[in-house]
């Protein structure tokens, strides 16, 4: 059985991004994957200080929650990364995780992991695609395999609209694209395994 991890890059617990990641994970379960939800809102994470110790040792010299999150990413067969839109990009929490994942790139430990992205903006054209593109860029540099939400829609990933908590529950397009993304990540991970 493949394992699909949902990573929520929001600073808020139980918000709109988490809701859509959960929807994606439910769809992954529907096609036979086991799932895990991991949120960054409660993680202690310091920014990268460019000490380059990870280039020599393969491990980050900062002792906080980041290495544990990275290890769980390595254990997954598929990863869905979600972020709310912050000025057309990912949150600072998610960016810290991305920057601190240099140790994974030393031996390309995310290589061939099936990955997808979703984003939630305050309006339908609220920066979701640029936020997803930032996540895609990160995953491409890690040599992961990217998928969108698949046919019949074939978007970049899950794209939700939400302001106040709970808004995404009424966003049919966001729910559909997130469901499709979760299904697509799980299906391809199963094919590769």
C-alpha atoms as a PDB file:
ATOM      1  CA  UNK A   1       0.000   0.000   0.000  1.00  0.00           C
ATOM      2  CA  UNK A   2       1.312   3.452  -0.871  1.00  0.00           C
ATOM      3  CA  UNK A   3       1.441   6.246   1.659  1.00  0.00           C
ATOM      4  CA  UNK A   4       0.405   9.768   0.683  1.00  0.00           C
ATOM      5  CA  UNK A   5       1.325  12.634   2.971  1.00  0.00           C
ATOM      6  CA  UNK A   6      -0.577  15.897   3.045  1.00  0.00           C
ATOM      7  CA  UNK A   7       1.587  18.805   4.172  1.00  0.00           C
ATOM      8  CA  UNK A   8      -0.280  21.960   5.240  1.00  0.00           C
ATOM      9  CA  UNK A   9       1.902  25.073   5.010  1.00  0.00           C
ATOM     10  CA  UNK A  10      -0.589  27.350   6.750  1.00  0.00           C
ATOM     11  CA  UNK A  11       0.168  29.105  10.037  1.00  0.00           C
ATOM     12  CA  UNK A  12      -3.455  28.380  11.017  1.00  0.00           C
ATOM     13  CA  UNK A  13      -4.827  25.118  12.369  1.00  0.00           C
ATOM     14  CA  UNK A  14      -8.024  23.911  10.717  1.00  0.00           C
ATOM     15  CA  UNK A  15      -8.169  26.593   8.040  1.00  0.00           C
ATOM     16  CA  UNK A  16      -9.197  26.486   4.408  1.00  0.00           C
ATOM     17  CA  UNK A  17      -5.916  25.067   3.143  1.00  0.00           C
ATOM     18  CA  UNK A  18      -6.064  22.230   5.648  1.00  0.00           C
ATOM     19  CA  UNK A  19      -9.635  21.480   4.580  1.00  0.00           C
ATOM     20  CA  UNK A  20      -8.615  21.079   0.937  1.00  0.00           C
ATOM     21  CA  UNK A  21      -5.574  18.974   1.817  1.00  0.00           C
ATOM     22  CA  UNK A  22      -7.886  16.735   3.852  1.00  0.00           C
ATOM     23  CA  UNK A  23     -10.239  16.463   0.851  1.00  0.00           C
ATOM     24  CA  UNK A  24      -7.268  15.456  -1.325  1.00  0.00           C
ATOM     25  CA  UNK A  25      -6.191  12.842   1.222  1.00  0.00           C
ATOM     26  CA  UNK A  26      -9.718  11.404   1.399  1.00  0.00           C
ATOM     27  CA  UNK A  27      -9.623  10.940  -2.383  1.00  0.00           C
ATOM     28  CA  UNK A  28      -6.232   9.217  -2.066  1.00  0.00           C
ATOM     29  CA  UNK A  29      -7.737   6.873   0.527  1.00  0.00           C
ATOM     30  CA  UNK A  30     -10.657   6.146  -1.822  1.00  0.00           C
ATOM     31  CA  UNK A  31      -8.213   4.638  -4.327  1.00  0.00           C
ATOM     32  CA  UNK A  32      -6.384   2.571  -1.709  1.00  0.00           C
ATOM     33  CA  UNK A  33      -3.627   4.765  -0.255  1.00  0.00           C
ATOM     34  CA  UNK A  34      -2.859   5.199   3.409  1.00  0.00           C
ATOM     35  CA  UNK A  35      -2.553   8.851   4.343  1.00  0.00           C
ATOM     36  CA  UNK A  36      -0.970  11.156   6.867  1.00  0.00           C
ATOM     37  CA  UNK A  37      -1.731  14.823   7.534  1.00  0.00           C
ATOM     38  CA  UNK A  38       1.108  17.014   8.758  1.00  0.00           C
ATOM     39  CA  UNK A  39       0.644  20.679   9.628  1.00  0.00           C
ATOM     40  CA  UNK A  40       3.370  23.295  10.019  1.00  0.00           C
ATOM     41  CA  UNK A  41       1.362  25.666  12.229  1.00  0.00           C
ATOM     42  CA  UNK A  42       2.687  24.068  15.409  1.00  0.00           C
ATOM     43  CA  UNK A  43       6.239  23.330  14.329  1.00  0.00           C
ATOM     44  CA  UNK A  44       9.276  25.119  15.662  1.00  0.00           C
ATOM     45  CA  UNK A  45      11.188  26.097  12.540  1.00  0.00           C
ATOM     46  CA  UNK A  46      14.124  28.439  12.175  1.00  0.00           C
ATOM     47  CA  UNK A  47      15.200  29.828   8.794  1.00  0.00           C
ATOM     48  CA  UNK A  48      18.227  28.516   6.954  1.00  0.00           C
ATOM     49  CA  UNK A  49      21.391  30.396   7.939  1.00  0.00           C
ATOM     50  CA  UNK A  50      23.465  29.251   4.939  1.00  0.00           C
ATOM     51  CA  UNK A  51      26.091  27.609   7.152  1.00  0.00           C
ATOM     52  CA  UNK A  52      26.584  24.858   4.525  1.00  0.00           C
ATOM     53  CA  UNK A  53      27.061  22.171   7.176  1.00  0.00           C
ATOM     54  CA  UNK A  54      24.354  20.125   5.446  1.00  0.00           C
ATOM     55  CA  UNK A  55      26.455  20.053   2.284  1.00  0.00           C
ATOM     56  CA  UNK A  56      29.242  18.351   4.228  1.00  0.00           C
ATOM     57  CA  UNK A  57      27.302  16.126   6.619  1.00  0.00           C
ATOM     58  CA  UNK A  58      23.916  15.630   4.963  1.00  0.00           C
ATOM     59  CA  UNK A  59      22.199  16.933   8.091  1.00  0.00           C
ATOM     60  CA  UNK A  60      21.018  20.357   9.131  1.00  0.00           C
ATOM     61  CA  UNK A  61      22.886  21.943  12.038  1.00  0.00           C
ATOM     62  CA  UNK A  62      19.735  23.619  13.389  1.00  0.00           C
ATOM     63  CA  UNK A  63      17.941  21.555  16.008  1.00  0.00           C
ATOM     64  CA  UNK A  64      14.207  22.122  15.715  1.00  0.00           C
ATOM     65  CA  UNK A  65      11.219  20.318  14.141  1.00  0.00           C
ATOM     66  CA  UNK A  66      12.335  20.560  10.499  1.00  0.00           C
ATOM     67  CA  UNK A  67      14.460  17.372  10.335  1.00  0.00           C
ATOM     68  CA  UNK A  68      11.515  15.325  11.632  1.00  0.00           C
ATOM     69  CA  UNK A  69       9.189  16.772   8.988  1.00  0.00           C
ATOM     70  CA  UNK A  70      11.742  16.061   6.253  1.00  0.00           C
ATOM     71  CA  UNK A  71      12.105  12.446   7.408  1.00  0.00           C
ATOM     72  CA  UNK A  72       8.358  11.950   7.190  1.00  0.00           C
ATOM     73  CA  UNK A  73       8.400  13.351   3.650  1.00  0.00           C
ATOM     74  CA  UNK A  74      11.076  10.809   2.723  1.00  0.00           C
ATOM     75  CA  UNK A  75       8.947   7.978   4.138  1.00  0.00           C
ATOM     76  CA  UNK A  76       5.961   8.882   1.936  1.00  0.00           C
ATOM     77  CA  UNK A  77       5.375   7.574  -1.591  1.00  0.00           C
ATOM     78  CA  UNK A  78       3.367  10.658  -2.509  1.00  0.00           C
ATOM     79  CA  UNK A  79       3.200  14.176  -1.119  1.00  0.00           C
ATOM     80  CA  UNK A  80       0.536  16.848  -1.473  1.00  0.00           C
ATOM     81  CA  UNK A  81       1.759  20.272  -0.376  1.00  0.00           C
ATOM     82  CA  UNK A  82      -0.811  22.969   0.330  1.00  0.00           C
ATOM     83  CA  UNK A  83      -0.350  26.647   1.074  1.00  0.00           C
ATOM     84  CA  UNK A  84      -2.546  29.680   1.401  1.00  0.00           C
ATOM     85  CA  UNK A  85      -1.536  32.493  -0.929  1.00  0.00           C
ATOM     86  CA  UNK A  86       0.652  35.108   0.736  1.00  0.00           C
ATOM     87  CA  UNK A  87       1.361  37.916  -1.733  1.00  0.00           C
ATOM     88  CA  UNK A  88       1.300  35.511  -4.668  1.00  0.00           C
ATOM     89  CA  UNK A  89       3.555  32.971  -2.997  1.00  0.00           C
ATOM     90  CA  UNK A  90       3.807  30.345  -0.248  1.00  0.00           C
ATOM     91  CA  UNK A  91       3.732  31.119   3.463  1.00  0.00           C
ATOM     92  CA  UNK A  92       6.917  31.807   5.398  1.00  0.00           C
ATOM     93  CA  UNK A  93       6.433  28.516   7.245  1.00  0.00           C
ATOM     94  CA  UNK A  94       6.467  26.537   4.017  1.00  0.00           C
ATOM     95  CA  UNK A  95       9.355  28.548   2.607  1.00  0.00           C
ATOM     96  CA  UNK A  96      11.443  27.777   5.702  1.00  0.00           C
ATOM     97  CA  UNK A  97      10.760  24.073   5.189  1.00  0.00           C
ATOM     98  CA  UNK A  98      11.710  24.299   1.518  1.00  0.00           C
ATOM     99  CA  UNK A  99      14.946  26.160   2.254  1.00  0.00           C
ATOM    100  CA  UNK A 100      15.868  23.806   5.058  1.00  0.00           C
ATOM    101  CA  UNK A 101      15.362  20.720   2.893  1.00  0.00           C
ATOM    102  CA  UNK A 102      18.825  21.022   1.347  1.00  0.00           C
ATOM    103  CA  UNK A 103      19.930  17.828   3.133  1.00  0.00           C
ATOM    104  CA  UNK A 104      17.340  15.878   1.116  1.00  0.00           C
ATOM    105  CA  UNK A 105      18.826  17.163  -2.111  1.00  0.00           C
ATOM    106  CA  UNK A 106      22.291  15.898  -1.261  1.00  0.00           C
ATOM    107  CA  UNK A 107      21.225  12.368  -2.275  1.00  0.00           C
ATOM    108  CA  UNK A 108      17.944  13.389  -3.933  1.00  0.00           C
ATOM    109  CA  UNK A 109      15.826  11.663  -1.310  1.00  0.00           C
ATOM    110  CA  UNK A 110      12.588  13.001  -2.823  1.00  0.00           C
ATOM    111  CA  UNK A 111      13.505  11.673  -6.266  1.00  0.00           C
ATOM    112  CA  UNK A 112      10.572   9.926  -7.926  1.00  0.00           C
ATOM    113  CA  UNK A 113       8.113  10.786  -5.157  1.00  0.00           C
ATOM    114  CA  UNK A 114       4.779  11.604  -6.744  1.00  0.00           C
ATOM    115  CA  UNK A 115       3.869  15.122  -5.665  1.00  0.00           C
ATOM    116  CA  UNK A 116       1.164  17.679  -6.180  1.00  0.00           C
ATOM    117  CA  UNK A 117       0.328  21.150  -4.949  1.00  0.00           C
ATOM    118  CA  UNK A 118      -2.718  23.101  -3.953  1.00  0.00           C
ATOM    119  CA  UNK A 119      -3.267  26.695  -2.943  1.00  0.00           C
ATOM    120  CA  UNK A 120      -6.061  28.780  -1.465  1.00  0.00           C
ATOM    121  CA  UNK A 121      -6.490  32.460  -2.303  1.00  0.00           C
ATOM    122  CA  UNK A 122      -9.022  35.064  -1.269  1.00  0.00           C
ATOM    123  CA  UNK A 123     -10.496  35.243  -4.786  1.00  0.00           C
ATOM    124  CA  UNK A 124     -10.666  32.899  -7.774  1.00  0.00           C
ATOM    125  CA  UNK A 125      -7.641  34.592  -9.356  1.00  0.00           C
ATOM    126  CA  UNK A 126      -5.929  35.345  -6.078  1.00  0.00           C
ATOM    127  CA  UNK A 127      -2.428  34.019  -6.746  1.00  0.00           C
ATOM    128  CA  UNK A 128      -3.148  30.292  -6.563  1.00  0.00           C
ATOM    129  CA  UNK A 129      -1.238  29.478  -9.744  1.00  0.00           C
ATOM    130  CA  UNK A 130       1.881  31.432  -8.749  1.00  0.00           C
ATOM    131  CA  UNK A 131       1.821  29.794  -5.329  1.00  0.00           C
ATOM    132  CA  UNK A 132       1.456  26.355  -6.894  1.00  0.00           C
ATOM    133  CA  UNK A 133       4.274  27.229  -9.301  1.00  0.00           C
ATOM    134  CA  UNK A 134       6.557  28.021  -6.350  1.00  0.00           C
ATOM    135  CA  UNK A 135       5.783  24.591  -4.874  1.00  0.00           C
ATOM    136  CA  UNK A 136       6.319  22.967  -8.279  1.00  0.00           C
ATOM    137  CA  UNK A 137       9.681  24.723  -8.679  1.00  0.00           C
ATOM    138  CA  UNK A 138      10.765  23.392  -5.296  1.00  0.00           C
ATOM    139  CA  UNK A 139       9.676  19.848  -6.141  1.00  0.00           C
ATOM    140  CA  UNK A 140      11.340  19.904  -9.559  1.00  0.00           C
ATOM    141  CA  UNK A 141      14.634  20.906  -7.938  1.00  0.00           C
ATOM    142  CA  UNK A 142      14.184  17.937  -5.576  1.00  0.00           C
ATOM    143  CA  UNK A 143      13.700  15.687  -8.668  1.00  0.00           C
ATOM    144  CA  UNK A 144      10.167  14.712  -7.659  1.00  0.00           C
ATOM    145  CA  UNK A 145       7.457  13.723 -10.141  1.00  0.00           C
ATOM    146  CA  UNK A 146       4.743  16.376 -10.457  1.00  0.00           C
ATOM    147  CA  UNK A 147       1.103  15.813 -11.212  1.00  0.00           C
ATOM    148  CA  UNK A 148      -1.814  18.176 -11.613  1.00  0.00           C
ATOM    149  CA  UNK A 149      -5.416  17.372 -10.917  1.00  0.00           C
ATOM    150  CA  UNK A 150      -5.670  15.163 -14.018  1.00  0.00           C
ATOM    151  CA  UNK A 151      -8.434  14.705 -16.503  1.00  0.00           C
ATOM    152  CA  UNK A 152     -10.962  15.960 -17.282  1.00  0.00           C
ATOM    153  CA  UNK A 153      -9.836  19.329 -15.898  1.00  0.00           C
ATOM    154  CA  UNK A 154      -6.005  19.169 -16.016  1.00  0.00           C
ATOM    155  CA  UNK A 155      -5.082  22.156 -13.866  1.00  0.00           C
ATOM    156  CA  UNK A 156      -1.830  22.839 -12.005  1.00  0.00           C
ATOM    157  CA  UNK A 157      -3.357  21.296  -8.875  1.00  0.00           C
ATOM    158  CA  UNK A 158      -6.004  22.112  -6.314  1.00  0.00           C
ATOM    159  CA  UNK A 159      -7.098  25.745  -6.458  1.00  0.00           C
ATOM    160  CA  UNK A 160      -9.412  26.928  -3.715  1.00  0.00           C
ATOM    161  CA  UNK A 161     -11.035  30.203  -2.790  1.00  0.00           C
ATOM    162  CA  UNK A 162     -11.449  31.146   0.835  1.00  0.00           C
ATOM    163  CA  UNK A 163     -11.218  34.056   3.189  1.00  0.00           C
ATOM    164  CA  UNK A 164     -12.823  33.273   6.533  1.00  0.00           C
ATOM    165  CA  UNK A 165     -12.329  29.739   7.844  1.00  0.00           C
ATOM    166  CA  UNK A 166     -14.883  27.419   6.270  1.00  0.00           C
ATOM    167  CA  UNK A 167     -15.187  29.244   2.940  1.00  0.00           C
ATOM    168  CA  UNK A 168     -13.609  26.405   0.962  1.00  0.00           C
ATOM    169  CA  UNK A 169     -16.360  24.020   2.063  1.00  0.00           C
ATOM    170  CA  UNK A 170     -18.645  25.838  -0.391  1.00  0.00           C
ATOM    171  CA  UNK A 171     -16.065  26.204  -3.157  1.00  0.00           C
ATOM    172  CA  UNK A 172     -17.053  23.463  -5.586  1.00  0.00           C
ATOM    173  CA  UNK A 173     -14.154  24.095  -7.984  1.00  0.00           C
ATOM    174  CA  UNK A 174     -11.659  23.973  -5.115  1.00  0.00           C
ATOM    175  CA  UNK A 175     -13.157  20.761  -3.773  1.00  0.00           C
ATOM    176  CA  UNK A 176     -13.182  19.077  -7.199  1.00  0.00           C
ATOM    177  CA  UNK A 177      -9.612  20.049  -8.105  1.00  0.00           C
ATOM    178  CA  UNK A 178      -8.350  18.983  -4.670  1.00  0.00           C
ATOM    179  CA  UNK A 179     -10.157  15.631  -4.870  1.00  0.00           C
ATOM    180  CA  UNK A 180      -8.775  15.039  -8.330  1.00  0.00           C
ATOM    181  CA  UNK A 181      -5.258  15.936  -7.194  1.00  0.00           C
ATOM    182  CA  UNK A 182      -5.374  13.497  -4.274  1.00  0.00           C
ATOM    183  CA  UNK A 183      -6.652  10.712  -6.498  1.00  0.00           C
ATOM    184  CA  UNK A 184      -4.014  11.430  -9.147  1.00  0.00           C
ATOM    185  CA  UNK A 185      -1.095  11.452  -6.660  1.00  0.00           C
ATOM    186  CA  UNK A 186      -2.243   8.119  -5.169  1.00  0.00           C
ATOM    187  CA  UNK A 187      -2.894   6.450  -8.509  1.00  0.00           C
ATOM    188  CA  UNK A 188       0.498   7.315  -9.950  1.00  0.00           C
ATOM    189  CA  UNK A 189       2.294   6.383  -6.730  1.00  0.00           C
ATOM    190  CA  UNK A 190       0.575   2.986  -6.915  1.00  0.00           C
ATOM    191  CA  UNK A 191       1.622   2.523 -10.534  1.00  0.00           C
ATOM    192  CA  UNK A 192       5.241   3.313  -9.688  1.00  0.00           C
ATOM    193  CA  UNK A 193       5.302   1.026  -6.664  1.00  0.00           C
END
